[in-house]
Amino acid sequence: MADEPSLGELGRLIELMRGDIRDDIAGLNARLDRVVSLDVYTVEKASVAKDIAELTKAVEGLQAQRERDTDRVTQTRRWLVASVIIPLLGIVLPLVMVMRGAGA
């Protein structure tokens, strides 16, 4: 029986445990104050998902616009070659050949 704690020691140990438990509960309460509620989290998550969907749609639209612009530039180059450069060569090339033939 000499190894058993006295009532005073048991009382002090219980008070220490109570203090530790109070500190732990206070820490949990402090952490809970920083936690977002499930409702707010759900609304925020839906908002982020909507924003991502809108951005994806905008990027797809920009890619489509870029493809149209690329096609337009290609068509402009083709038109320029077909309507300006080839006829110009058709005029200049015979002149050059005539001038070479006349000078020889």
C-alpha atoms as a PDB file:
ATOM      1  CA  MET A   1       0.000   0.000   0.000  1.00  0.00           C
ATOM      2  CA  ALA A   2       3.006   2.240   0.262  1.00  0.00           C
ATOM      3  CA  ASP A   3       3.182   2.553  -3.536  1.00  0.00           C
ATOM      4  CA  GLU A   4      -0.383   3.823  -3.914  1.00  0.00           C
ATOM      5  CA  PRO A   5      -0.845   7.598  -4.342  1.00  0.00           C
ATOM      6  CA  SER A   6      -2.483   9.574  -1.592  1.00  0.00           C
ATOM      7  CA  LEU A   7      -5.787  11.370  -2.054  1.00  0.00           C
ATOM      8  CA  GLY A   8      -3.966  14.706  -2.301  1.00  0.00           C
ATOM      9  CA  GLU A   9      -1.765  13.407  -5.119  1.00  0.00           C
ATOM     10  CA  LEU A  10      -4.776  12.029  -6.956  1.00  0.00           C
ATOM     11  CA  GLY A  11      -6.524  15.397  -6.600  1.00  0.00           C
ATOM     12  CA  ARG A  12      -3.508  17.229  -8.038  1.00  0.00           C
ATOM     13  CA  LEU A  13      -3.237  14.769 -10.958  1.00  0.00           C
ATOM     14  CA  ILE A  14      -6.946  15.172 -11.714  1.00  0.00           C
ATOM     15  CA  GLU A  15      -6.580  18.980 -11.680  1.00  0.00           C
ATOM     16  CA  LEU A  16      -3.577  18.726 -14.039  1.00  0.00           C
ATOM     17  CA  MET A  17      -5.584  16.509 -16.382  1.00  0.00           C
ATOM     18  CA  ARG A  18      -8.499  18.940 -16.256  1.00  0.00           C
ATOM     19  CA  GLY A  19      -6.153  21.801 -17.139  1.00  0.00           C
ATOM     20  CA  ASP A  20      -4.706  19.828 -20.060  1.00  0.00           C
ATOM     21  CA  ILE A  21      -8.185  18.955 -21.304  1.00  0.00           C
ATOM     22  CA  ARG A  22      -9.276  22.622 -21.003  1.00  0.00           C
ATOM     23  CA  ASP A  23      -6.208  23.712 -22.986  1.00  0.00           C
ATOM     24  CA  ASP A  24      -6.876  21.074 -25.645  1.00  0.00           C
ATOM     25  CA  ILE A  25     -10.533  22.117 -25.945  1.00  0.00           C
ATOM     26  CA  ALA A  26      -9.516  25.788 -26.198  1.00  0.00           C
ATOM     27  CA  GLY A  27      -7.082  24.857 -28.983  1.00  0.00           C
ATOM     28  CA  LEU A  28      -9.797  22.939 -30.812  1.00  0.00           C
ATOM     29  CA  ASN A  29     -12.198  25.874 -30.482  1.00  0.00           C
ATOM     30  CA  ALA A  30      -9.567  28.228 -31.863  1.00  0.00           C
ATOM     31  CA  ARG A  31      -9.076  25.922 -34.832  1.00  0.00           C
ATOM     32  CA  LEU A  32     -12.818  25.549 -35.367  1.00  0.00           C
ATOM     33  CA  ASP A  33     -13.149  29.337 -35.554  1.00  0.00           C
ATOM     34  CA  ARG A  34     -10.938  29.267 -38.650  1.00  0.00           C
ATOM     35  CA  VAL A  35     -12.788  26.402 -40.348  1.00  0.00           C
ATOM     36  CA  VAL A  36     -15.200  27.239 -43.152  1.00  0.00           C
ATOM     37  CA  SER A  37     -18.709  25.883 -42.847  1.00  0.00           C
ATOM     38  CA  LEU A  38     -19.850  23.184 -45.266  1.00  0.00           C
ATOM     39  CA  ASP A  39     -22.401  25.531 -46.842  1.00  0.00           C
ATOM     40  CA  VAL A  40     -19.787  28.195 -47.583  1.00  0.00           C
ATOM     41  CA  TYR A  41     -17.369  25.557 -48.891  1.00  0.00           C
ATOM     42  CA  THR A  42     -20.033  24.131 -51.221  1.00  0.00           C
ATOM     43  CA  VAL A  43     -20.915  27.576 -52.586  1.00  0.00           C
ATOM     44  CA  GLU A  44     -17.238  28.479 -53.074  1.00  0.00           C
ATOM     45  CA  LYS A  45     -16.542  25.162 -54.786  1.00  0.00           C
ATOM     46  CA  ALA A  46     -19.497  25.652 -57.147  1.00  0.00           C
ATOM     47  CA  SER A  47     -18.302  29.173 -57.899  1.00  0.00           C
ATOM     48  CA  VAL A  48     -14.788  27.965 -58.696  1.00  0.00           C
ATOM     49  CA  ALA A  49     -16.172  25.197 -60.920  1.00  0.00           C
ATOM     50  CA  LYS A  50     -18.327  27.766 -62.749  1.00  0.00           C
ATOM     51  CA  ASP A  51     -15.336  30.091 -63.207  1.00  0.00           C
ATOM     52  CA  ILE A  52     -13.238  27.245 -64.595  1.00  0.00           C
ATOM     53  CA  ALA A  53     -16.009  26.288 -67.014  1.00  0.00           C
ATOM     54  CA  GLU A  54     -16.305  29.905 -68.189  1.00  0.00           C
ATOM     55  CA  LEU A  55     -12.547  30.194 -68.649  1.00  0.00           C
ATOM     56  CA  THR A  56     -12.458  26.931 -70.574  1.00  0.00           C
ATOM     57  CA  LYS A  57     -15.217  28.197 -72.839  1.00  0.00           C
ATOM     58  CA  ALA A  58     -13.376  31.501 -73.352  1.00  0.00           C
ATOM     59  CA  VAL A  59     -10.126  29.716 -74.210  1.00  0.00           C
ATOM     60  CA  GLU A  60     -11.937  27.491 -76.696  1.00  0.00           C
ATOM     61  CA  GLY A  61     -13.479  30.595 -78.275  1.00  0.00           C
ATOM     62  CA  LEU A  62     -10.058  32.251 -78.519  1.00  0.00           C
ATOM     63  CA  GLN A  63      -8.590  29.125 -80.107  1.00  0.00           C
ATOM     64  CA  ALA A  64     -11.399  29.080 -82.668  1.00  0.00           C
ATOM     65  CA  GLN A  65     -10.815  32.786 -83.377  1.00  0.00           C
ATOM     66  CA  ARG A  66      -7.099  32.117 -83.789  1.00  0.00           C
ATOM     67  CA  GLU A  67      -7.823  29.352 -86.298  1.00  0.00           C
ATOM     68  CA  ARG A  68     -10.146  31.668 -88.248  1.00  0.00           C
ATOM     69  CA  ASP A  69      -7.483  34.378 -88.251  1.00  0.00           C
ATOM     70  CA  THR A  70      -4.871  31.900 -89.451  1.00  0.00           C
ATOM     71  CA  ASP A  71      -7.196  30.765 -92.254  1.00  0.00           C
ATOM     72  CA  ARG A  72      -7.873  34.389 -93.195  1.00  0.00           C
ATOM     73  CA  VAL A  73      -4.146  35.166 -93.411  1.00  0.00           C
ATOM     74  CA  THR A  74      -3.574  32.044 -95.501  1.00  0.00           C
ATOM     75  CA  GLN A  75      -6.418  32.986 -97.830  1.00  0.00           C
ATOM     76  CA  THR A  76      -5.052  36.537 -98.138  1.00  0.00           C
ATOM     77  CA  ARG A  77      -1.613  35.213 -99.084  1.00  0.00           C
ATOM     78  CA  ARG A  78      -3.126  32.888-101.665  1.00  0.00           C
ATOM     79  CA  TRP A  79      -5.161  35.737-103.110  1.00  0.00           C
ATOM     80  CA  LEU A  80      -2.082  37.970-103.226  1.00  0.00           C
ATOM     81  CA  VAL A  81      -0.039  35.329-105.043  1.00  0.00           C
ATOM     82  CA  ALA A  82      -2.855  34.459-107.439  1.00  0.00           C
ATOM     83  CA  SER A  83      -3.990  37.973-108.281  1.00  0.00           C
ATOM     84  CA  VAL A  84      -0.833  40.079-108.026  1.00  0.00           C
ATOM     85  CA  ILE A  85       2.432  38.157-108.151  1.00  0.00           C
ATOM     86  CA  ILE A  86       1.620  35.595-110.886  1.00  0.00           C
ATOM     87  CA  PRO A  87       0.186  38.207-113.311  1.00  0.00           C
ATOM     88  CA  LEU A  88       3.156  40.455-112.548  1.00  0.00           C
ATOM     89  CA  LEU A  89       5.508  37.606-113.430  1.00  0.00           C
ATOM     90  CA  GLY A  90       3.443  37.034-116.564  1.00  0.00           C
ATOM     91  CA  ILE A  91       4.224  40.614-117.640  1.00  0.00           C
ATOM     92  CA  VAL A  92       7.803  40.923-116.420  1.00  0.00           C
ATOM     93  CA  LEU A  93       9.094  37.533-117.594  1.00  0.00           C
ATOM     94  CA  PRO A  94       8.258  38.064-121.299  1.00  0.00           C
ATOM     95  CA  LEU A  95       9.769  41.565-121.095  1.00  0.00           C
ATOM     96  CA  VAL A  96      12.964  40.165-119.653  1.00  0.00           C
ATOM     97  CA  MET A  97      13.081  37.494-122.325  1.00  0.00           C
ATOM     98  CA  VAL A  98      12.471  40.073-125.085  1.00  0.00           C
ATOM     99  CA  MET A  99      15.185  42.321-123.663  1.00  0.00           C
ATOM    100  CA  ARG A 100      17.640  39.411-123.516  1.00  0.00           C
ATOM    101  CA  GLY A 101      16.764  38.409-127.038  1.00  0.00           C
ATOM    102  CA  ALA A 102      17.116  41.991-128.305  1.00  0.00           C
ATOM    103  CA  GLY A 103      20.484  42.493-126.622  1.00  0.00           C
ATOM    104  CA  ALA A 104      22.003  39.280-128.013  1.00  0.00           C
END
